[in-house]
Protein backbone atom coordinates (compact mmCIF):
# COMPACT_ATOMS: atom_id res chain seq x y z
CA UNK A 1 0.00 0.00 0.00
CA UNK A 2 0.98 3.65 -0.36
CA UNK A 3 1.04 6.15 2.49
CA UNK A 4 1.39 9.94 2.35
CA UNK A 5 3.30 11.69 5.13
CA UNK A 6 2.24 15.33 5.45
CA UNK A 7 4.35 17.98 7.19
CA UNK A 8 2.91 21.28 8.36
CA UNK A 9 5.83 23.64 8.97
CA UNK A 10 6.37 26.94 10.77
CA UNK A 11 6.99 30.31 9.18
CA UNK A 12 10.73 29.98 9.90
CA UNK A 13 11.01 26.73 7.94
CA UNK A 14 12.57 28.26 4.77
CA UNK A 15 15.19 30.12 6.79
CA UNK A 16 16.06 27.27 9.21
CA UNK A 17 15.93 24.15 7.08
CA UNK A 18 19.47 24.55 5.68
CA UNK A 19 21.05 23.43 8.99
CA UNK A 20 18.95 20.23 9.04
CA UNK A 21 18.67 19.55 5.33
CA UNK A 22 21.71 17.31 4.84
CA UNK A 23 20.76 15.02 7.75
CA UNK A 24 17.17 14.94 6.52
CA UNK A 25 18.26 14.01 3.00
CA UNK A 26 20.54 11.27 4.30
CA UNK A 27 17.61 9.62 6.07
CA UNK A 28 15.33 10.16 3.09
CA UNK A 29 17.72 8.57 0.59
CA UNK A 30 18.41 5.71 2.98
CA UNK A 31 14.65 5.07 3.16
CA UNK A 32 14.54 5.21 -0.63
CA UNK A 33 17.36 2.68 -0.92
CA UNK A 34 15.39 0.35 1.36
CA UNK A 35 12.43 0.60 -1.00
CA UNK A 36 10.28 2.49 1.54
CA UNK A 37 10.31 6.09 0.30
CA UNK A 38 9.03 6.61 -3.24
CA UNK A 39 9.07 10.41 -3.49
CA UNK A 40 9.47 13.34 -1.15
CA UNK A 41 9.79 17.10 -1.28
CA UNK A 42 8.60 20.49 -0.08
CA UNK A 43 5.43 22.18 -1.28
CA UNK A 44 5.98 25.35 -3.29
CA UNK A 45 4.31 28.73 -3.70
CA UNK A 46 4.09 29.04 -0.73
CA UNK A 47 6.64 26.83 1.01
CA UNK A 48 4.37 25.87 3.89
CA UNK A 49 4.77 22.11 4.11
CA UNK A 50 6.12 18.93 2.59
CA UNK A 51 4.75 15.61 1.35
CA UNK A 52 6.52 12.25 1.31
CA UNK A 53 5.16 9.13 -0.39
CA UNK A 54 5.95 5.77 1.25
CA UNK A 55 5.30 2.20 0.18
CA UNK A 56 4.79 -0.61 2.72
CA UNK A 57 2.45 -2.91 4.59
CA UNK A 58 1.30 -0.37 7.20
CA UNK A 59 1.49 3.37 8.01
CA UNK A 60 4.18 2.61 10.60
CA UNK A 61 6.80 2.79 7.87
CA UNK A 62 6.04 6.51 7.41
CA UNK A 63 5.46 7.14 11.11
CA UNK A 64 8.87 5.71 12.04
CA UNK A 65 10.53 8.01 9.51
CA UNK A 66 8.76 11.11 10.83
CA UNK A 67 9.60 10.44 14.47
CA UNK A 68 13.36 10.57 13.80
CA UNK A 69 13.42 13.03 10.90
CA UNK A 70 15.72 15.98 11.78
CA UNK A 71 13.06 18.37 10.45
CA UNK A 72 10.69 17.02 13.11
CA UNK A 73 13.13 16.61 15.99
CA UNK A 74 14.60 20.03 15.16
CA UNK A 75 11.24 21.72 15.59
CA UNK A 76 10.73 22.83 11.99
CA UNK A 77 7.59 20.71 11.62
CA UNK A 78 4.62 21.92 13.67
CA UNK A 79 2.43 18.93 12.89
CA UNK A 80 2.67 15.74 10.86
CA UNK A 81 0.22 13.00 10.00
CA UNK A 82 -0.02 9.96 7.74
CA UNK A 83 -2.84 9.10 5.33
CA UNK A 84 -3.30 5.86 3.45
CA UNK A 85 -3.48 6.51 -0.30
CA UNK A 86 -5.37 3.94 -2.37
CA UNK A 87 -3.55 4.16 -5.69
CA UNK A 88 -5.38 2.52 -8.61
CA UNK A 89 -3.98 4.11 -11.78
CA UNK A 90 -0.40 4.13 -13.07
CA UNK A 91 2.38 1.57 -13.34
CA UNK A 92 3.34 1.98 -9.67
CA UNK A 93 -0.21 1.82 -8.26
CA UNK A 94 -0.74 -0.51 -5.31
CA UNK A 95 -4.12 -1.80 -6.55
CA UNK A 96 -4.14 -1.28 -10.33
CA UNK A 97 -7.65 -1.19 -11.77
CA UNK A 98 -8.07 -1.03 -15.54
CA UNK A 99 -11.23 0.53 -17.04
CA UNK A 100 -12.54 -2.80 -18.39
CA UNK A 101 -11.95 -4.48 -15.02
CA UNK A 102 -13.82 -1.74 -13.17
CA UNK A 103 -16.79 -2.05 -15.53
CA UNK A 104 -16.80 -5.84 -15.20
CA UNK A 105 -16.69 -5.58 -11.43
CA UNK A 106 -19.67 -3.24 -11.44
CA UNK A 107 -21.63 -5.52 -13.77
CA UNK A 108 -20.85 -8.55 -11.60
CA UNK A 109 -22.09 -6.81 -8.47
CA UNK A 110 -25.30 -5.76 -10.24
CA UNK A 111 -25.91 -9.29 -11.51
CA UNK A 112 -25.39 -10.86 -8.10
CA UNK A 113 -27.77 -8.39 -6.46
CA UNK A 114 -30.54 -8.60 -9.03
CA UNK A 115 -30.21 -12.34 -9.57
CA UNK A 116 -31.16 -13.17 -6.00
CA UNK A 117 -28.27 -15.62 -5.54
CA UNK A 118 -27.31 -14.26 -2.10
CA UNK A 119 -29.21 -14.14 1.14
CA UNK A 120 -29.77 -10.56 2.34
CA UNK A 121 -27.83 -9.39 5.38
CA UNK A 122 -27.64 -6.23 7.42
CA UNK A 123 -24.61 -5.03 5.43
CA UNK A 124 -25.59 -6.11 1.94
CA UNK A 125 -29.07 -4.69 2.42
CA UNK A 126 -27.40 -1.36 3.14
CA UNK A 127 -26.08 -1.15 -0.41
CA UNK A 128 -27.78 1.74 -2.13
CA UNK A 129 -28.22 2.79 -5.76
CA UNK A 130 -25.33 4.91 -7.10
CA UNK A 131 -27.14 8.18 -6.52
CA UNK A 132 -27.39 7.49 -2.78
CA UNK A 133 -24.66 7.45 -0.16
CA UNK A 134 -22.98 4.21 0.86
CA UNK A 135 -22.35 3.29 4.50
CA UNK A 136 -18.94 4.33 5.82
CA UNK A 137 -16.43 2.24 7.77
CA UNK A 138 -14.09 4.35 9.92
CA UNK A 139 -10.78 2.68 10.87
CA UNK A 140 -8.18 3.77 13.44
CA UNK A 141 -5.10 2.06 14.94
CA UNK A 142 -3.21 2.42 18.20
CA UNK A 143 -0.78 0.57 20.46
CA UNK A 144 -0.29 0.14 24.18
CA UNK A 145 1.91 -1.85 26.48
CA UNK A 146 0.53 -5.26 27.44
CA UNK A 147 -0.09 -4.24 31.10
CA UNK A 148 -2.13 -1.18 30.03
CA UNK A 149 -4.09 -2.92 27.29
CA UNK A 150 -6.97 -3.84 29.58
CA UNK A 151 -7.30 -0.20 30.65
CA UNK A 152 -7.81 0.86 27.05
CA UNK A 153 -10.33 -1.95 26.46
CA UNK A 154 -12.36 -0.73 29.45
CA UNK A 155 -12.20 2.87 28.22
CA UNK A 156 -13.42 1.95 24.74
CA UNK A 157 -16.07 -0.54 25.86
CA UNK A 158 -17.48 1.34 28.84
CA UNK A 159 -17.15 4.99 27.79
CA UNK A 160 -16.59 5.46 24.04
CA UNK A 161 -18.90 2.84 22.53
CA UNK A 162 -21.92 3.75 24.71
CA UNK A 163 -21.58 7.39 23.58
CA UNK A 164 -21.50 6.35 19.94
CA UNK A 165 -24.85 4.57 20.27
CA UNK A 166 -26.55 7.90 20.88
CA UNK A 167 -25.26 9.54 17.68
CA UNK A 168 -27.75 9.47 14.77
CA UNK A 169 -26.37 7.45 11.89
CA UNK A 170 -24.10 5.23 14.00
CA UNK A 171 -24.50 1.54 13.10
CA UNK A 172 -22.01 -0.34 15.24
CA UNK A 173 -18.40 -0.71 16.34
CA UNK A 174 -15.66 -3.30 16.70
CA UNK A 175 -12.57 -3.23 18.91
CA UNK A 176 -9.83 -5.57 17.67
CA UNK A 177 -6.51 -6.39 19.30
CA UNK A 178 -3.42 -8.51 18.72
CA UNK A 179 -0.06 -8.98 20.41
CA UNK A 180 2.80 -7.82 18.21
CA UNK A 181 6.47 -7.03 18.95
CA UNK A 182 5.92 -7.24 22.71
CA UNK A 183 3.08 -4.71 22.60
CA UNK A 184 -0.68 -4.75 22.08
CA UNK A 185 -2.06 -3.34 18.84
CA UNK A 186 -5.67 -2.13 18.63
CA UNK A 187 -7.87 -1.52 15.63
CA UNK A 188 -11.13 0.37 16.12
CA UNK A 189 -13.74 0.07 13.36
CA UNK A 190 -17.00 2.00 13.49
CA UNK A 191 -19.82 1.85 10.95
CA UNK A 192 -21.87 4.90 9.91
CA UNK A 193 -24.77 5.68 7.58
CA UNK A 194 -22.76 8.35 5.73
CA UNK A 195 -19.93 10.88 6.05
CA UNK A 196 -22.52 13.32 7.42
CA UNK A 197 -23.07 10.88 10.28
CA UNK A 198 -19.30 10.63 10.78
CA UNK A 199 -19.10 14.42 11.07
CA UNK A 200 -21.68 14.37 13.84
CA UNK A 201 -19.08 12.43 15.83
CA UNK A 202 -15.76 13.79 14.53
CA UNK A 203 -16.66 17.38 13.64
CA UNK A 204 -15.65 19.46 10.64
CA UNK A 205 -12.39 17.53 10.12
CA UNK A 206 -13.61 13.92 9.97
CA UNK A 207 -10.20 12.55 8.90
CA UNK A 208 -8.68 13.71 12.18
CA UNK A 209 -8.73 11.09 14.94
CA UNK A 210 -10.83 11.76 18.04
CA UNK A 211 -8.65 10.67 20.96
CA UNK A 212 -9.68 11.42 24.52
CA UNK A 213 -6.99 12.24 27.12
CA UNK A 214 -7.86 9.09 29.06
CA UNK A 215 -7.03 7.02 25.99
CA UNK A 216 -3.76 8.85 25.30
CA UNK A 217 -2.70 8.20 28.89
CA UNK A 218 -2.61 4.42 28.34
CA UNK A 219 -1.49 4.31 24.70
CA UNK A 220 2.14 4.31 23.60
CA UNK A 221 1.31 5.38 20.04
CA UNK A 222 -1.77 6.09 17.95
CA UNK A 223 -2.73 7.32 14.51
CA UNK A 224 -3.55 11.02 14.45
CA UNK A 225 -5.76 10.46 11.41
CA UNK A 226 -8.29 7.83 10.43
CA UNK A 227 -9.17 6.02 7.21
CA UNK A 228 -12.68 5.92 5.78
CA UNK A 229 -14.00 3.21 3.46
CA UNK A 230 -17.27 2.98 1.57
CA UNK A 231 -19.01 -0.31 2.36
CA UNK A 232 -19.91 -1.71 -1.06
CA UNK A 233 -20.78 -5.27 -0.04
CA UNK A 234 -20.88 -7.59 2.94
CA UNK A 235 -22.21 -10.79 4.44
CA UNK A 236 -23.18 -12.06 7.86
CA UNK A 237 -23.61 -15.75 8.63
CA UNK A 238 -27.09 -16.58 9.83
CA UNK A 239 -27.22 -17.74 13.46
CA UNK A 240 -28.62 -21.17 14.16
CA UNK A 241 -32.02 -21.01 15.82
C-alpha atoms as a PDB file:
ATOM      1  CA  UNK A   1       0.000   0.000   0.000  1.00  0.00           C
ATOM      2  CA  UNK A   2       0.980   3.649  -0.360  1.00  0.00           C
ATOM      3  CA  UNK A   3       1.035   6.154   2.488  1.00  0.00           C
ATOM      4  CA  UNK A   4       1.390   9.944   2.347  1.00  0.00           C
ATOM      5  CA  UNK A   5       3.296  11.689   5.130  1.00  0.00           C
ATOM      6  CA  UNK A   6       2.236  15.332   5.446  1.00  0.00           C
ATOM      7  CA  UNK A   7       4.353  17.976   7.189  1.00  0.00           C
ATOM      8  CA  UNK A   8       2.911  21.282   8.361  1.00  0.00           C
ATOM      9  CA  UNK A   9       5.833  23.644   8.974  1.00  0.00           C
ATOM     10  CA  UNK A  10       6.369  26.936  10.771  1.00  0.00           C
ATOM     11  CA  UNK A  11       6.989  30.307   9.178  1.00  0.00           C
ATOM     12  CA  UNK A  12      10.730  29.980   9.897  1.00  0.00           C
ATOM     13  CA  UNK A  13      11.014  26.728   7.941  1.00  0.00           C
ATOM     14  CA  UNK A  14      12.566  28.261   4.771  1.00  0.00           C
ATOM     15  CA  UNK A  15      15.194  30.124   6.794  1.00  0.00           C
ATOM     16  CA  UNK A  16      16.062  27.272   9.210  1.00  0.00           C
ATOM     17  CA  UNK A  17      15.934  24.151   7.075  1.00  0.00           C
ATOM     18  CA  UNK A  18      19.471  24.554   5.684  1.00  0.00           C
ATOM     19  CA  UNK A  19      21.050  23.435   8.993  1.00  0.00           C
ATOM     20  CA  UNK A  20      18.953  20.230   9.039  1.00  0.00           C
ATOM     21  CA  UNK A  21      18.671  19.546   5.331  1.00  0.00           C
ATOM     22  CA  UNK A  22      21.710  17.311   4.838  1.00  0.00           C
ATOM     23  CA  UNK A  23      20.761  15.023   7.753  1.00  0.00           C
ATOM     24  CA  UNK A  24      17.170  14.941   6.520  1.00  0.00           C
ATOM     25  CA  UNK A  25      18.256  14.010   2.995  1.00  0.00           C
ATOM     26  CA  UNK A  26      20.545  11.270   4.295  1.00  0.00           C
ATOM     27  CA  UNK A  27      17.612   9.619   6.067  1.00  0.00           C
ATOM     28  CA  UNK A  28      15.333  10.162   3.086  1.00  0.00           C
ATOM     29  CA  UNK A  29      17.721   8.570   0.585  1.00  0.00           C
ATOM     30  CA  UNK A  30      18.410   5.707   2.984  1.00  0.00           C
ATOM     31  CA  UNK A  31      14.655   5.069   3.160  1.00  0.00           C
ATOM     32  CA  UNK A  32      14.540   5.210  -0.632  1.00  0.00           C
ATOM     33  CA  UNK A  33      17.362   2.682  -0.922  1.00  0.00           C
ATOM     34  CA  UNK A  34      15.394   0.349   1.362  1.00  0.00           C
ATOM     35  CA  UNK A  35      12.427   0.595  -1.003  1.00  0.00           C
ATOM     36  CA  UNK A  36      10.284   2.485   1.541  1.00  0.00           C
ATOM     37  CA  UNK A  37      10.306   6.092   0.303  1.00  0.00           C
ATOM     38  CA  UNK A  38       9.030   6.613  -3.237  1.00  0.00           C
ATOM     39  CA  UNK A  39       9.070  10.414  -3.494  1.00  0.00           C
ATOM     40  CA  UNK A  40       9.470  13.345  -1.154  1.00  0.00           C
ATOM     41  CA  UNK A  41       9.794  17.099  -1.275  1.00  0.00           C
ATOM     42  CA  UNK A  42       8.602  20.489  -0.085  1.00  0.00           C
ATOM     43  CA  UNK A  43       5.433  22.179  -1.278  1.00  0.00           C
ATOM     44  CA  UNK A  44       5.977  25.353  -3.287  1.00  0.00           C
ATOM     45  CA  UNK A  45       4.307  28.732  -3.699  1.00  0.00           C
ATOM     46  CA  UNK A  46       4.090  29.039  -0.733  1.00  0.00           C
ATOM     47  CA  UNK A  47       6.644  26.828   1.010  1.00  0.00           C
ATOM     48  CA  UNK A  48       4.367  25.866   3.890  1.00  0.00           C
ATOM     49  CA  UNK A  49       4.774  22.111   4.109  1.00  0.00           C
ATOM     50  CA  UNK A  50       6.120  18.926   2.586  1.00  0.00           C
ATOM     51  CA  UNK A  51       4.747  15.609   1.348  1.00  0.00           C
ATOM     52  CA  UNK A  52       6.518  12.247   1.312  1.00  0.00           C
ATOM     53  CA  UNK A  53       5.156   9.129  -0.387  1.00  0.00           C
ATOM     54  CA  UNK A  54       5.946   5.768   1.247  1.00  0.00           C
ATOM     55  CA  UNK A  55       5.300   2.196   0.184  1.00  0.00           C
ATOM     56  CA  UNK A  56       4.791  -0.611   2.716  1.00  0.00           C
ATOM     57  CA  UNK A  57       2.451  -2.905   4.593  1.00  0.00           C
ATOM     58  CA  UNK A  58       1.300  -0.366   7.204  1.00  0.00           C
ATOM     59  CA  UNK A  59       1.494   3.370   8.011  1.00  0.00           C
ATOM     60  CA  UNK A  60       4.180   2.611  10.600  1.00  0.00           C
ATOM     61  CA  UNK A  61       6.803   2.791   7.875  1.00  0.00           C
ATOM     62  CA  UNK A  62       6.045   6.507   7.410  1.00  0.00           C
ATOM     63  CA  UNK A  63       5.460   7.135  11.109  1.00  0.00           C
ATOM     64  CA  UNK A  64       8.868   5.714  12.038  1.00  0.00           C
ATOM     65  CA  UNK A  65      10.527   8.008   9.507  1.00  0.00           C
ATOM     66  CA  UNK A  66       8.761  11.111  10.825  1.00  0.00           C
ATOM     67  CA  UNK A  67       9.601  10.439  14.470  1.00  0.00           C
ATOM     68  CA  UNK A  68      13.358  10.569  13.800  1.00  0.00           C
ATOM     69  CA  UNK A  69      13.416  13.033  10.897  1.00  0.00           C
ATOM     70  CA  UNK A  70      15.721  15.977  11.778  1.00  0.00           C
ATOM     71  CA  UNK A  71      13.064  18.367  10.452  1.00  0.00           C
ATOM     72  CA  UNK A  72      10.688  17.025  13.112  1.00  0.00           C
ATOM     73  CA  UNK A  73      13.132  16.606  15.986  1.00  0.00           C
ATOM     74  CA  UNK A  74      14.600  20.029  15.159  1.00  0.00           C
ATOM     75  CA  UNK A  75      11.237  21.717  15.594  1.00  0.00           C
ATOM     76  CA  UNK A  76      10.733  22.832  11.994  1.00  0.00           C
ATOM     77  CA  UNK A  77       7.587  20.713  11.624  1.00  0.00           C
ATOM     78  CA  UNK A  78       4.619  21.920  13.674  1.00  0.00           C
ATOM     79  CA  UNK A  79       2.429  18.929  12.890  1.00  0.00           C
ATOM     80  CA  UNK A  80       2.672  15.736  10.863  1.00  0.00           C
ATOM     81  CA  UNK A  81       0.223  13.005   9.999  1.00  0.00           C
ATOM     82  CA  UNK A  82      -0.016   9.958   7.738  1.00  0.00           C
ATOM     83  CA  UNK A  83      -2.839   9.104   5.327  1.00  0.00           C
ATOM     84  CA  UNK A  84      -3.300   5.859   3.453  1.00  0.00           C
ATOM     85  CA  UNK A  85      -3.475   6.508  -0.302  1.00  0.00           C
ATOM     86  CA  UNK A  86      -5.367   3.945  -2.368  1.00  0.00           C
ATOM     87  CA  UNK A  87      -3.547   4.164  -5.693  1.00  0.00           C
ATOM     88  CA  UNK A  88      -5.383   2.520  -8.608  1.00  0.00           C
ATOM     89  CA  UNK A  89      -3.975   4.107 -11.785  1.00  0.00           C
ATOM     90  CA  UNK A  90      -0.397   4.125 -13.067  1.00  0.00           C
ATOM     91  CA  UNK A  91       2.379   1.572 -13.338  1.00  0.00           C
ATOM     92  CA  UNK A  92       3.339   1.977  -9.670  1.00  0.00           C
ATOM     93  CA  UNK A  93      -0.210   1.823  -8.258  1.00  0.00           C
ATOM     94  CA  UNK A  94      -0.744  -0.511  -5.314  1.00  0.00           C
ATOM     95  CA  UNK A  95      -4.123  -1.796  -6.546  1.00  0.00           C
ATOM     96  CA  UNK A  96      -4.144  -1.278 -10.330  1.00  0.00           C
ATOM     97  CA  UNK A  97      -7.653  -1.185 -11.771  1.00  0.00           C
ATOM     98  CA  UNK A  98      -8.066  -1.035 -15.541  1.00  0.00           C
ATOM     99  CA  UNK A  99     -11.233   0.531 -17.042  1.00  0.00           C
ATOM    100  CA  UNK A 100     -12.540  -2.800 -18.387  1.00  0.00           C
ATOM    101  CA  UNK A 101     -11.949  -4.481 -15.018  1.00  0.00           C
ATOM    102  CA  UNK A 102     -13.819  -1.742 -13.167  1.00  0.00           C
ATOM    103  CA  UNK A 103     -16.787  -2.053 -15.528  1.00  0.00           C
ATOM    104  CA  UNK A 104     -16.805  -5.836 -15.201  1.00  0.00           C
ATOM    105  CA  UNK A 105     -16.693  -5.578 -11.428  1.00  0.00           C
ATOM    106  CA  UNK A 106     -19.675  -3.242 -11.436  1.00  0.00           C
ATOM    107  CA  UNK A 107     -21.632  -5.523 -13.766  1.00  0.00           C
ATOM    108  CA  UNK A 108     -20.851  -8.552 -11.600  1.00  0.00           C
ATOM    109  CA  UNK A 109     -22.087  -6.806  -8.468  1.00  0.00           C
ATOM    110  CA  UNK A 110     -25.303  -5.763 -10.235  1.00  0.00           C
ATOM    111  CA  UNK A 111     -25.906  -9.292 -11.513  1.00  0.00           C
ATOM    112  CA  UNK A 112     -25.390 -10.857  -8.102  1.00  0.00           C
ATOM    113  CA  UNK A 113     -27.769  -8.392  -6.457  1.00  0.00           C
ATOM    114  CA  UNK A 114     -30.545  -8.603  -9.029  1.00  0.00           C
ATOM    115  CA  UNK A 115     -30.214 -12.341  -9.568  1.00  0.00           C
ATOM    116  CA  UNK A 116     -31.163 -13.167  -5.997  1.00  0.00           C
ATOM    117  CA  UNK A 117     -28.268 -15.619  -5.536  1.00  0.00           C
ATOM    118  CA  UNK A 118     -27.311 -14.258  -2.096  1.00  0.00           C
ATOM    119  CA  UNK A 119     -29.214 -14.143   1.142  1.00  0.00           C
ATOM    120  CA  UNK A 120     -29.773 -10.562   2.345  1.00  0.00           C
ATOM    121  CA  UNK A 121     -27.833  -9.389   5.375  1.00  0.00           C
ATOM    122  CA  UNK A 122     -27.640  -6.232   7.421  1.00  0.00           C
ATOM    123  CA  UNK A 123     -24.615  -5.033   5.434  1.00  0.00           C
ATOM    124  CA  UNK A 124     -25.591  -6.113   1.943  1.00  0.00           C
ATOM    125  CA  UNK A 125     -29.071  -4.694   2.424  1.00  0.00           C
ATOM    126  CA  UNK A 126     -27.397  -1.358   3.143  1.00  0.00           C
ATOM    127  CA  UNK A 127     -26.079  -1.147  -0.411  1.00  0.00           C
ATOM    128  CA  UNK A 128     -27.778   1.745  -2.133  1.00  0.00           C
ATOM    129  CA  UNK A 129     -28.219   2.793  -5.756  1.00  0.00           C
ATOM    130  CA  UNK A 130     -25.325   4.907  -7.103  1.00  0.00           C
ATOM    131  CA  UNK A 131     -27.142   8.183  -6.517  1.00  0.00           C
ATOM    132  CA  UNK A 132     -27.386   7.488  -2.780  1.00  0.00           C
ATOM    133  CA  UNK A 133     -24.655   7.453  -0.157  1.00  0.00           C
ATOM    134  CA  UNK A 134     -22.978   4.209   0.856  1.00  0.00           C
ATOM    135  CA  UNK A 135     -22.349   3.293   4.497  1.00  0.00           C
ATOM    136  CA  UNK A 136     -18.940   4.327   5.817  1.00  0.00           C
ATOM    137  CA  UNK A 137     -16.435   2.240   7.771  1.00  0.00           C
ATOM    138  CA  UNK A 138     -14.090   4.350   9.922  1.00  0.00           C
ATOM    139  CA  UNK A 139     -10.782   2.677  10.868  1.00  0.00           C
ATOM    140  CA  UNK A 140      -8.180   3.766  13.436  1.00  0.00           C
ATOM    141  CA  UNK A 141      -5.103   2.061  14.937  1.00  0.00           C
ATOM    142  CA  UNK A 142      -3.210   2.425  18.198  1.00  0.00           C
ATOM    143  CA  UNK A 143      -0.778   0.574  20.461  1.00  0.00           C
ATOM    144  CA  UNK A 144      -0.290   0.143  24.177  1.00  0.00           C
ATOM    145  CA  UNK A 145       1.909  -1.853  26.475  1.00  0.00           C
ATOM    146  CA  UNK A 146       0.528  -5.258  27.437  1.00  0.00           C
ATOM    147  CA  UNK A 147      -0.085  -4.241  31.104  1.00  0.00           C
ATOM    148  CA  UNK A 148      -2.126  -1.175  30.030  1.00  0.00           C
ATOM    149  CA  UNK A 149      -4.089  -2.924  27.292  1.00  0.00           C
ATOM    150  CA  UNK A 150      -6.972  -3.839  29.584  1.00  0.00           C
ATOM    151  CA  UNK A 151      -7.304  -0.198  30.647  1.00  0.00           C
ATOM    152  CA  UNK A 152      -7.810   0.856  27.050  1.00  0.00           C
ATOM    153  CA  UNK A 153     -10.335  -1.949  26.465  1.00  0.00           C
ATOM    154  CA  UNK A 154     -12.364  -0.729  29.446  1.00  0.00           C
ATOM    155  CA  UNK A 155     -12.196   2.867  28.223  1.00  0.00           C
ATOM    156  CA  UNK A 156     -13.422   1.949  24.743  1.00  0.00           C
ATOM    157  CA  UNK A 157     -16.071  -0.538  25.858  1.00  0.00           C
ATOM    158  CA  UNK A 158     -17.480   1.336  28.839  1.00  0.00           C
ATOM    159  CA  UNK A 159     -17.150   4.987  27.790  1.00  0.00           C
ATOM    160  CA  UNK A 160     -16.590   5.456  24.045  1.00  0.00           C
ATOM    161  CA  UNK A 161     -18.895   2.838  22.528  1.00  0.00           C
ATOM    162  CA  UNK A 162     -21.919   3.753  24.707  1.00  0.00           C
ATOM    163  CA  UNK A 163     -21.576   7.394  23.585  1.00  0.00           C
ATOM    164  CA  UNK A 164     -21.500   6.346  19.943  1.00  0.00           C
ATOM    165  CA  UNK A 165     -24.854   4.572  20.275  1.00  0.00           C
ATOM    166  CA  UNK A 166     -26.545   7.904  20.880  1.00  0.00           C
ATOM    167  CA  UNK A 167     -25.263   9.536  17.679  1.00  0.00           C
ATOM    168  CA  UNK A 168     -27.754   9.474  14.772  1.00  0.00           C
ATOM    169  CA  UNK A 169     -26.372   7.448  11.888  1.00  0.00           C
ATOM    170  CA  UNK A 170     -24.099   5.233  13.997  1.00  0.00           C
ATOM    171  CA  UNK A 171     -24.504   1.541  13.097  1.00  0.00           C
ATOM    172  CA  UNK A 172     -22.009  -0.337  15.238  1.00  0.00           C
ATOM    173  CA  UNK A 173     -18.399  -0.710  16.345  1.00  0.00           C
ATOM    174  CA  UNK A 174     -15.665  -3.299  16.703  1.00  0.00           C
ATOM    175  CA  UNK A 175     -12.568  -3.226  18.908  1.00  0.00           C
ATOM    176  CA  UNK A 176      -9.829  -5.573  17.673  1.00  0.00           C
ATOM    177  CA  UNK A 177      -6.514  -6.387  19.305  1.00  0.00           C
ATOM    178  CA  UNK A 178      -3.425  -8.506  18.724  1.00  0.00           C
ATOM    179  CA  UNK A 179      -0.064  -8.980  20.413  1.00  0.00           C
ATOM    180  CA  UNK A 180       2.802  -7.815  18.213  1.00  0.00           C
ATOM    181  CA  UNK A 181       6.469  -7.031  18.953  1.00  0.00           C
ATOM    182  CA  UNK A 182       5.919  -7.238  22.707  1.00  0.00           C
ATOM    183  CA  UNK A 183       3.081  -4.706  22.601  1.00  0.00           C
ATOM    184  CA  UNK A 184      -0.681  -4.751  22.079  1.00  0.00           C
ATOM    185  CA  UNK A 185      -2.055  -3.342  18.835  1.00  0.00           C
ATOM    186  CA  UNK A 186      -5.667  -2.130  18.626  1.00  0.00           C
ATOM    187  CA  UNK A 187      -7.871  -1.523  15.628  1.00  0.00           C
ATOM    188  CA  UNK A 188     -11.129   0.366  16.118  1.00  0.00           C
ATOM    189  CA  UNK A 189     -13.738   0.072  13.364  1.00  0.00           C
ATOM    190  CA  UNK A 190     -17.001   2.002  13.492  1.00  0.00           C
ATOM    191  CA  UNK A 191     -19.821   1.855  10.952  1.00  0.00           C
ATOM    192  CA  UNK A 192     -21.873   4.899   9.912  1.00  0.00           C
ATOM    193  CA  UNK A 193     -24.767   5.676   7.576  1.00  0.00           C
ATOM    194  CA  UNK A 194     -22.759   8.345   5.735  1.00  0.00           C
ATOM    195  CA  UNK A 195     -19.932  10.878   6.053  1.00  0.00           C
ATOM    196  CA  UNK A 196     -22.518  13.317   7.424  1.00  0.00           C
ATOM    197  CA  UNK A 197     -23.068  10.884  10.277  1.00  0.00           C
ATOM    198  CA  UNK A 198     -19.296  10.626  10.784  1.00  0.00           C
ATOM    199  CA  UNK A 199     -19.103  14.424  11.070  1.00  0.00           C
ATOM    200  CA  UNK A 200     -21.683  14.372  13.842  1.00  0.00           C
ATOM    201  CA  UNK A 201     -19.085  12.428  15.825  1.00  0.00           C
ATOM    202  CA  UNK A 202     -15.761  13.786  14.534  1.00  0.00           C
ATOM    203  CA  UNK A 203     -16.657  17.375  13.640  1.00  0.00           C
ATOM    204  CA  UNK A 204     -15.647  19.461  10.637  1.00  0.00           C
ATOM    205  CA  UNK A 205     -12.388  17.526  10.116  1.00  0.00           C
ATOM    206  CA  UNK A 206     -13.607  13.920   9.966  1.00  0.00           C
ATOM    207  CA  UNK A 207     -10.203  12.547   8.900  1.00  0.00           C
ATOM    208  CA  UNK A 208      -8.676  13.710  12.184  1.00  0.00           C
ATOM    209  CA  UNK A 209      -8.729  11.091  14.939  1.00  0.00           C
ATOM    210  CA  UNK A 210     -10.835  11.757  18.041  1.00  0.00           C
ATOM    211  CA  UNK A 211      -8.646  10.671  20.955  1.00  0.00           C
ATOM    212  CA  UNK A 212      -9.684  11.416  24.520  1.00  0.00           C
ATOM    213  CA  UNK A 213      -6.994  12.238  27.122  1.00  0.00           C
ATOM    214  CA  UNK A 214      -7.863   9.088  29.061  1.00  0.00           C
ATOM    215  CA  UNK A 215      -7.026   7.019  25.988  1.00  0.00           C
ATOM    216  CA  UNK A 216      -3.759   8.847  25.305  1.00  0.00           C
ATOM    217  CA  UNK A 217      -2.700   8.197  28.891  1.00  0.00           C
ATOM    218  CA  UNK A 218      -2.614   4.423  28.338  1.00  0.00           C
ATOM    219  CA  UNK A 219      -1.488   4.309  24.697  1.00  0.00           C
ATOM    220  CA  UNK A 220       2.145   4.307  23.599  1.00  0.00           C
ATOM    221  CA  UNK A 221       1.313   5.385  20.045  1.00  0.00           C
ATOM    222  CA  UNK A 222      -1.767   6.089  17.953  1.00  0.00           C
ATOM    223  CA  UNK A 223      -2.732   7.323  14.514  1.00  0.00           C
ATOM    224  CA  UNK A 224      -3.553  11.019  14.451  1.00  0.00           C
ATOM    225  CA  UNK A 225      -5.757  10.463  11.407  1.00  0.00           C
ATOM    226  CA  UNK A 226      -8.287   7.828  10.427  1.00  0.00           C
ATOM    227  CA  UNK A 227      -9.165   6.018   7.206  1.00  0.00           C
ATOM    228  CA  UNK A 228     -12.684   5.919   5.783  1.00  0.00           C
ATOM    229  CA  UNK A 229     -13.995   3.214   3.462  1.00  0.00           C
ATOM    230  CA  UNK A 230     -17.267   2.976   1.572  1.00  0.00           C
ATOM    231  CA  UNK A 231     -19.014  -0.311   2.357  1.00  0.00           C
ATOM    232  CA  UNK A 232     -19.905  -1.713  -1.060  1.00  0.00           C
ATOM    233  CA  UNK A 233     -20.784  -5.273  -0.041  1.00  0.00           C
ATOM    234  CA  UNK A 234     -20.877  -7.587   2.944  1.00  0.00           C
ATOM    235  CA  UNK A 235     -22.210 -10.790   4.441  1.00  0.00           C
ATOM    236  CA  UNK A 236     -23.182 -12.058   7.859  1.00  0.00           C
ATOM    237  CA  UNK A 237     -23.614 -15.746   8.625  1.00  0.00           C
ATOM    238  CA  UNK A 238     -27.092 -16.584   9.829  1.00  0.00           C
ATOM    239  CA  UNK A 239     -27.217 -17.743  13.464  1.00  0.00           C
ATOM    240  CA  UNK A 240     -28.621 -21.170  14.164  1.00  0.00           C
ATOM    241  CA  UNK A 241     -32.020 -21.007  15.824  1.00  0.00           C
END
